[in-house]
N, C-alpha and C. Protein backbone atom coordinates (compact mmCIF):
# COMPACT_ATOMS: atom_id res chain seq x y z
N MET A 1 83.64 109.35 133.65
CA MET A 1 84.27 108.74 132.50
C MET A 1 83.71 109.38 131.22
N PRO A 2 84.56 109.76 130.27
CA PRO A 2 84.07 110.37 129.03
C PRO A 2 83.15 109.40 128.28
N PRO A 3 82.20 109.95 127.54
CA PRO A 3 81.22 109.10 126.85
C PRO A 3 81.81 108.18 125.78
N PHE A 4 82.98 108.53 125.27
CA PHE A 4 83.56 107.72 124.20
C PHE A 4 84.30 106.49 124.69
N VAL A 5 84.51 106.35 125.99
CA VAL A 5 85.24 105.19 126.52
C VAL A 5 84.49 103.90 126.19
N MET A 6 83.20 103.92 126.42
CA MET A 6 82.38 102.75 126.11
C MET A 6 82.40 102.46 124.60
N PHE A 7 82.40 103.53 123.81
CA PHE A 7 82.49 103.39 122.35
C PHE A 7 83.76 102.66 121.97
N PHE A 8 84.91 103.05 122.58
CA PHE A 8 86.18 102.40 122.28
C PHE A 8 86.12 100.91 122.60
N GLU A 9 85.57 100.57 123.75
CA GLU A 9 85.49 99.17 124.16
C GLU A 9 84.62 98.36 123.19
N GLU A 10 83.46 98.91 122.86
CA GLU A 10 82.54 98.22 121.94
C GLU A 10 83.15 98.09 120.55
N GLU A 11 83.80 99.16 120.10
CA GLU A 11 84.40 99.15 118.76
C GLU A 11 85.55 98.16 118.66
N ALA A 12 86.34 98.03 119.70
CA ALA A 12 87.45 97.08 119.69
C ALA A 12 86.92 95.66 119.49
N GLU A 13 85.88 95.33 120.23
CA GLU A 13 85.28 93.99 120.10
C GLU A 13 84.64 93.82 118.73
N LEU A 14 83.94 94.83 118.27
CA LEU A 14 83.27 94.77 116.97
C LEU A 14 84.29 94.61 115.85
N LYS A 15 85.39 95.32 115.93
CA LYS A 15 86.42 95.22 114.88
C LYS A 15 87.06 93.84 114.86
N ARG A 16 87.25 93.25 116.04
CA ARG A 16 87.77 91.88 116.09
C ARG A 16 86.81 90.92 115.38
N GLN A 17 85.52 91.05 115.68
CA GLN A 17 84.52 90.19 115.05
C GLN A 17 84.47 90.40 113.54
N GLN A 18 84.50 91.67 113.11
CA GLN A 18 84.46 91.97 111.68
C GLN A 18 85.69 91.41 110.96
N ALA A 19 86.85 91.53 111.59
CA ALA A 19 88.07 91.01 110.99
C ALA A 19 88.00 89.49 110.82
N LYS A 20 87.51 88.80 111.85
CA LYS A 20 87.37 87.35 111.76
C LYS A 20 86.38 86.97 110.66
N HIS A 21 85.28 87.69 110.60
CA HIS A 21 84.26 87.44 109.58
C HIS A 21 84.84 87.65 108.18
N PHE A 22 85.57 88.73 108.01
CA PHE A 22 86.17 89.04 106.73
C PHE A 22 87.20 87.99 106.33
N LEU A 23 88.03 87.56 107.25
CA LEU A 23 89.03 86.53 106.95
C LEU A 23 88.37 85.20 106.59
N ARG A 24 87.29 84.84 107.31
CA ARG A 24 86.55 83.61 106.96
C ARG A 24 86.01 83.70 105.54
N PHE A 25 85.47 84.87 105.20
CA PHE A 25 84.93 85.09 103.86
C PHE A 25 86.01 84.90 102.81
N LEU A 26 87.18 85.47 103.04
CA LEU A 26 88.27 85.35 102.08
C LEU A 26 88.79 83.92 101.99
N ARG A 27 88.87 83.25 103.12
CA ARG A 27 89.35 81.86 103.11
C ARG A 27 88.40 80.94 102.34
N LYS A 28 87.10 81.18 102.47
CA LYS A 28 86.12 80.37 101.74
C LYS A 28 86.32 80.50 100.24
N ARG A 29 86.77 81.66 99.82
CA ARG A 29 86.97 81.92 98.40
C ARG A 29 88.39 81.55 97.96
N ASN A 30 89.17 80.98 98.86
CA ASN A 30 90.56 80.63 98.59
C ASN A 30 91.36 81.83 98.11
N SER A 31 91.07 82.97 98.69
CA SER A 31 91.76 84.21 98.32
C SER A 31 93.08 84.31 99.07
N THR A 32 94.02 85.00 98.45
CA THR A 32 95.28 85.29 99.11
C THR A 32 95.05 86.43 100.08
N ILE A 33 95.52 86.26 101.30
CA ILE A 33 95.29 87.26 102.32
C ILE A 33 96.61 87.96 102.62
N CYS A 34 96.61 89.27 102.40
CA CYS A 34 97.79 90.09 102.66
C CYS A 34 97.33 91.28 103.49
N LEU A 35 97.50 91.17 104.79
CA LEU A 35 96.98 92.18 105.71
C LEU A 35 97.93 93.36 105.87
N PRO A 36 97.37 94.57 105.90
CA PRO A 36 98.21 95.74 106.18
C PRO A 36 98.56 95.77 107.67
N VAL A 37 99.65 96.39 107.98
CA VAL A 37 100.07 96.50 109.37
C VAL A 37 99.60 97.84 109.91
N ILE A 38 98.76 97.79 110.93
CA ILE A 38 98.33 99.00 111.62
C ILE A 38 98.83 98.83 113.05
N GLU A 39 99.84 99.58 113.37
CA GLU A 39 100.48 99.41 114.67
C GLU A 39 99.72 100.13 115.78
N ARG A 40 99.82 99.55 116.94
CA ARG A 40 99.22 100.13 118.14
C ARG A 40 99.98 101.40 118.49
N SER A 41 99.29 102.37 119.03
CA SER A 41 99.95 103.62 119.45
C SER A 41 100.97 103.33 120.54
N ASP A 42 102.04 104.10 120.54
CA ASP A 42 103.11 103.93 121.53
C ASP A 42 102.72 104.43 122.91
N ILE A 43 101.64 105.15 122.98
CA ILE A 43 101.23 105.77 124.24
C ILE A 43 100.49 104.76 125.11
N ASP A 44 100.98 104.56 126.33
CA ASP A 44 100.32 103.66 127.27
C ASP A 44 99.40 104.41 128.22
N ASN A 45 99.74 105.64 128.50
CA ASN A 45 98.94 106.44 129.42
C ASN A 45 98.54 107.73 128.71
N TRP A 46 97.27 107.81 128.34
CA TRP A 46 96.79 108.97 127.61
C TRP A 46 96.70 110.15 128.55
N GLY A 47 97.29 111.26 128.14
CA GLY A 47 97.30 112.45 128.96
C GLY A 47 95.96 113.13 129.04
N SER A 48 95.20 113.08 127.96
CA SER A 48 93.91 113.76 127.95
C SER A 48 92.96 113.04 127.01
N ALA A 49 91.69 113.37 127.17
CA ALA A 49 90.66 112.80 126.30
C ALA A 49 90.93 113.23 124.86
N MET A 50 91.34 114.47 124.68
CA MET A 50 91.60 114.98 123.34
C MET A 50 92.72 114.20 122.65
N GLN A 51 93.75 113.86 123.40
CA GLN A 51 94.87 113.09 122.84
C GLN A 51 94.40 111.70 122.40
N ALA A 52 93.59 111.06 123.21
CA ALA A 52 93.07 109.73 122.88
C ALA A 52 92.18 109.80 121.65
N LEU A 53 91.30 110.78 121.61
CA LEU A 53 90.39 110.93 120.47
C LEU A 53 91.13 111.23 119.17
N THR A 54 92.12 112.10 119.25
CA THR A 54 92.89 112.47 118.06
C THR A 54 93.63 111.26 117.50
N SER A 55 94.22 110.47 118.37
CA SER A 55 94.91 109.26 117.93
C SER A 55 93.92 108.27 117.32
N ALA A 56 92.76 108.13 117.95
CA ALA A 56 91.74 107.20 117.45
C ALA A 56 91.25 107.62 116.07
N VAL A 57 91.04 108.91 115.87
CA VAL A 57 90.58 109.40 114.56
C VAL A 57 91.64 109.11 113.50
N GLN A 58 92.92 109.30 113.83
CA GLN A 58 93.98 109.02 112.88
C GLN A 58 93.97 107.54 112.46
N LYS A 59 93.82 106.65 113.44
CA LYS A 59 93.80 105.21 113.14
C LYS A 59 92.55 104.84 112.32
N GLU A 60 91.43 105.42 112.69
CA GLU A 60 90.18 105.12 111.98
C GLU A 60 90.24 105.63 110.54
N LYS A 61 90.84 106.79 110.34
CA LYS A 61 90.97 107.32 108.98
C LYS A 61 91.92 106.47 108.15
N MET A 62 92.97 105.95 108.79
CA MET A 62 93.90 105.06 108.10
C MET A 62 93.16 103.80 107.64
N LEU A 63 92.34 103.25 108.51
CA LEU A 63 91.56 102.07 108.16
C LEU A 63 90.56 102.40 107.06
N GLN A 64 89.97 103.57 107.13
CA GLN A 64 89.01 103.98 106.10
C GLN A 64 89.69 104.08 104.73
N GLU A 65 90.90 104.62 104.69
CA GLU A 65 91.65 104.70 103.43
C GLU A 65 91.94 103.31 102.87
N ILE A 66 92.30 102.39 103.74
CA ILE A 66 92.57 101.02 103.31
C ILE A 66 91.31 100.40 102.71
N LEU A 67 90.18 100.61 103.37
CA LEU A 67 88.92 100.08 102.85
C LEU A 67 88.52 100.74 101.54
N GLU A 68 88.78 102.05 101.41
CA GLU A 68 88.49 102.75 100.15
C GLU A 68 89.33 102.15 99.02
N ASP A 69 90.61 101.91 99.29
CA ASP A 69 91.49 101.30 98.28
C ASP A 69 90.99 99.90 97.91
N LEU A 70 90.60 99.14 98.92
CA LEU A 70 90.09 97.79 98.67
C LEU A 70 88.81 97.85 97.84
N LYS A 71 87.96 98.81 98.12
CA LYS A 71 86.71 98.97 97.36
C LYS A 71 87.02 99.26 95.89
N LYS A 72 88.04 100.10 95.63
CA LYS A 72 88.43 100.40 94.25
C LYS A 72 88.88 99.14 93.53
N VAL A 73 89.71 98.35 94.21
CA VAL A 73 90.21 97.11 93.60
C VAL A 73 89.05 96.15 93.32
N VAL A 74 88.16 96.02 94.29
CA VAL A 74 87.02 95.12 94.15
C VAL A 74 86.13 95.57 92.98
N THR A 75 85.95 96.87 92.85
CA THR A 75 85.13 97.41 91.76
C THR A 75 85.81 97.17 90.42
N GLN A 76 87.11 97.41 90.34
CA GLN A 76 87.85 97.22 89.09
C GLN A 76 87.88 95.77 88.65
N THR A 77 87.96 94.86 89.60
CA THR A 77 88.04 93.43 89.26
C THR A 77 86.67 92.77 89.21
N ARG A 78 85.64 93.55 89.42
CA ARG A 78 84.24 93.10 89.35
C ARG A 78 83.97 91.92 90.30
N GLU A 79 84.44 92.07 91.51
CA GLU A 79 84.21 91.07 92.56
C GLU A 79 82.82 91.32 93.14
N THR A 80 81.81 90.75 92.52
CA THR A 80 80.43 91.05 92.91
C THR A 80 80.08 90.55 94.31
N GLU A 81 80.67 89.46 94.75
CA GLU A 81 80.37 88.95 96.09
C GLU A 81 81.04 89.78 97.18
N LEU A 82 82.22 90.26 96.89
CA LEU A 82 83.00 90.98 97.88
C LEU A 82 82.60 92.46 98.02
N ARG A 83 82.09 93.03 96.94
CA ARG A 83 81.78 94.47 96.94
C ARG A 83 80.78 94.86 98.03
N PRO A 84 79.63 94.20 98.17
CA PRO A 84 78.69 94.61 99.23
C PRO A 84 79.30 94.46 100.63
N PHE A 85 80.11 93.46 100.78
CA PHE A 85 80.79 93.20 102.04
C PHE A 85 81.68 94.38 102.41
N ILE A 86 82.48 94.83 101.45
CA ILE A 86 83.40 95.96 101.67
C ILE A 86 82.62 97.25 101.88
N ILE A 87 81.57 97.46 101.11
CA ILE A 87 80.76 98.68 101.25
C ILE A 87 80.15 98.76 102.64
N GLU A 88 79.69 97.64 103.16
CA GLU A 88 79.12 97.61 104.51
C GLU A 88 80.18 98.02 105.55
N PHE A 89 81.37 97.45 105.45
CA PHE A 89 82.46 97.80 106.36
C PHE A 89 82.80 99.28 106.25
N LEU A 90 82.85 99.77 105.01
CA LEU A 90 83.21 101.16 104.77
C LEU A 90 82.19 102.12 105.36
N GLU A 91 80.92 101.81 105.23
CA GLU A 91 79.87 102.67 105.81
C GLU A 91 80.00 102.74 107.33
N LYS A 92 80.24 101.60 107.95
CA LYS A 92 80.43 101.58 109.41
C LYS A 92 81.65 102.39 109.80
N GLN A 93 82.69 102.29 109.00
CA GLN A 93 83.93 103.00 109.27
C GLN A 93 83.71 104.51 109.18
N LYS A 94 82.96 104.94 108.19
CA LYS A 94 82.68 106.37 108.03
C LYS A 94 81.89 106.89 109.23
N ARG A 95 80.94 106.10 109.70
CA ARG A 95 80.17 106.52 110.89
C ARG A 95 81.07 106.62 112.12
N ASN A 96 82.02 105.71 112.25
CA ASN A 96 82.96 105.76 113.38
C ASN A 96 83.78 107.04 113.35
N VAL A 97 84.29 107.39 112.18
CA VAL A 97 85.10 108.60 112.05
C VAL A 97 84.25 109.82 112.39
N GLU A 98 83.03 109.86 111.89
CA GLU A 98 82.13 110.98 112.17
C GLU A 98 81.84 111.09 113.67
N TYR A 99 81.61 109.96 114.31
CA TYR A 99 81.34 109.97 115.75
C TYR A 99 82.54 110.51 116.52
N LEU A 100 83.72 110.02 116.19
CA LEU A 100 84.92 110.45 116.90
C LEU A 100 85.20 111.94 116.66
N GLU A 101 84.96 112.39 115.45
CA GLU A 101 85.14 113.82 115.16
C GLU A 101 84.15 114.67 115.95
N SER A 102 82.92 114.16 116.10
CA SER A 102 81.94 114.90 116.91
C SER A 102 82.36 114.91 118.38
N GLN A 103 82.97 113.83 118.85
CA GLN A 103 83.46 113.79 120.23
C GLN A 103 84.61 114.77 120.43
N ILE A 104 85.45 114.93 119.41
CA ILE A 104 86.53 115.92 119.49
C ILE A 104 85.94 117.32 119.62
N SER A 105 84.92 117.61 118.81
CA SER A 105 84.27 118.93 118.89
C SER A 105 83.66 119.14 120.27
N TYR A 106 83.04 118.09 120.80
CA TYR A 106 82.43 118.17 122.12
C TYR A 106 83.49 118.42 123.19
N GLN A 107 84.62 117.72 123.10
CA GLN A 107 85.71 117.90 124.07
C GLN A 107 86.27 119.31 123.99
N LYS A 108 86.38 119.86 122.78
CA LYS A 108 86.85 121.23 122.63
C LYS A 108 85.90 122.20 123.32
N LEU A 109 84.60 121.98 123.15
CA LEU A 109 83.61 122.83 123.82
C LEU A 109 83.74 122.74 125.34
N LEU A 110 83.92 121.52 125.84
CA LEU A 110 84.10 121.34 127.28
C LEU A 110 85.34 122.08 127.79
N GLU A 111 86.43 121.96 127.04
CA GLU A 111 87.66 122.63 127.45
C GLU A 111 87.49 124.15 127.43
N GLU A 112 86.80 124.67 126.42
CA GLU A 112 86.55 126.11 126.36
C GLU A 112 85.69 126.56 127.54
N LYS A 113 84.68 125.76 127.85
CA LYS A 113 83.80 126.08 128.97
C LYS A 113 84.58 126.09 130.28
N LYS A 114 85.43 125.10 130.48
CA LYS A 114 86.25 125.05 131.70
C LYS A 114 87.18 126.26 131.79
N LYS A 115 87.75 126.65 130.65
CA LYS A 115 88.65 127.81 130.64
C LYS A 115 87.87 129.08 131.00
N ILE A 116 86.70 129.25 130.43
CA ILE A 116 85.88 130.43 130.73
C ILE A 116 85.52 130.46 132.21
N GLU A 117 85.10 129.29 132.74
CA GLU A 117 84.75 129.22 134.16
C GLU A 117 85.94 129.51 135.04
N SER A 118 87.09 129.00 134.66
CA SER A 118 88.32 129.23 135.42
C SER A 118 88.69 130.71 135.38
N ASP A 119 88.62 131.31 134.19
CA ASP A 119 88.92 132.73 134.07
C ASP A 119 87.95 133.57 134.90
N PHE A 120 86.69 133.16 134.90
CA PHE A 120 85.67 133.89 135.68
C PHE A 120 85.97 133.79 137.18
N GLU A 121 86.36 132.59 137.64
CA GLU A 121 86.68 132.40 139.05
C GLU A 121 87.89 133.24 139.46
N VAL A 122 88.91 133.26 138.61
CA VAL A 122 90.12 134.05 138.90
C VAL A 122 89.75 135.53 138.95
N SER A 123 88.92 135.95 138.00
CA SER A 123 88.49 137.35 137.96
C SER A 123 87.68 137.70 139.21
N ALA A 124 86.79 136.81 139.62
CA ALA A 124 85.98 137.04 140.81
C ALA A 124 86.84 137.10 142.06
N GLU A 125 87.83 136.20 142.15
CA GLU A 125 88.73 136.20 143.30
C GLU A 125 89.56 137.48 143.34
N THR A 126 90.02 137.92 142.20
CA THR A 126 90.82 139.15 142.12
C THR A 126 89.97 140.35 142.53
N SER A 127 88.73 140.38 142.06
CA SER A 127 87.82 141.48 142.42
C SER A 127 87.53 141.48 143.92
N ALA A 128 87.30 140.30 144.46
CA ALA A 128 86.98 140.17 145.89
C ALA A 128 88.18 140.58 146.74
N SER A 129 89.37 140.17 146.36
CA SER A 129 90.56 140.51 147.15
C SER A 129 90.89 141.99 147.00
N GLY A 130 90.53 142.60 145.89
CA GLY A 130 90.77 144.03 145.67
C GLY A 130 89.90 144.88 146.56
N ARG A 131 88.70 144.41 146.87
CA ARG A 131 87.78 145.16 147.72
C ARG A 131 88.19 145.13 149.17
N LYS A 132 88.88 144.06 149.59
CA LYS A 132 89.26 143.91 150.99
C LYS A 132 90.36 144.87 151.40
N THR A 133 91.21 145.31 150.49
CA THR A 133 92.33 146.19 150.84
C THR A 133 91.97 147.63 150.84
């Protein structure tokens, strides 16, 4: 199993908890809550690790942009209680994107290594069969 599978599972649970925490915080302040719609990917069966990681990075970056926009609004309106809360979420989000991007780089390296090994095996088989004739 790829190393990021556990990350996805943990992150899904963590994001649910963070969302509940954030909504409780807003409700305590009697704030109006207007949530953005982030739709689930249409893909039910991921063809490759790279496909899953690429989709995850896109979703994480979308969430990061939303948090950046929220941080700007919070800063402009001088929401002193909300600002540290948003900054904490944003820092975690940035780390998630960095982790996923590093996993993409790692997957690319693995794919290159497999291709080189495959090419080497084909070359070795061709050389071996050439000697027999």
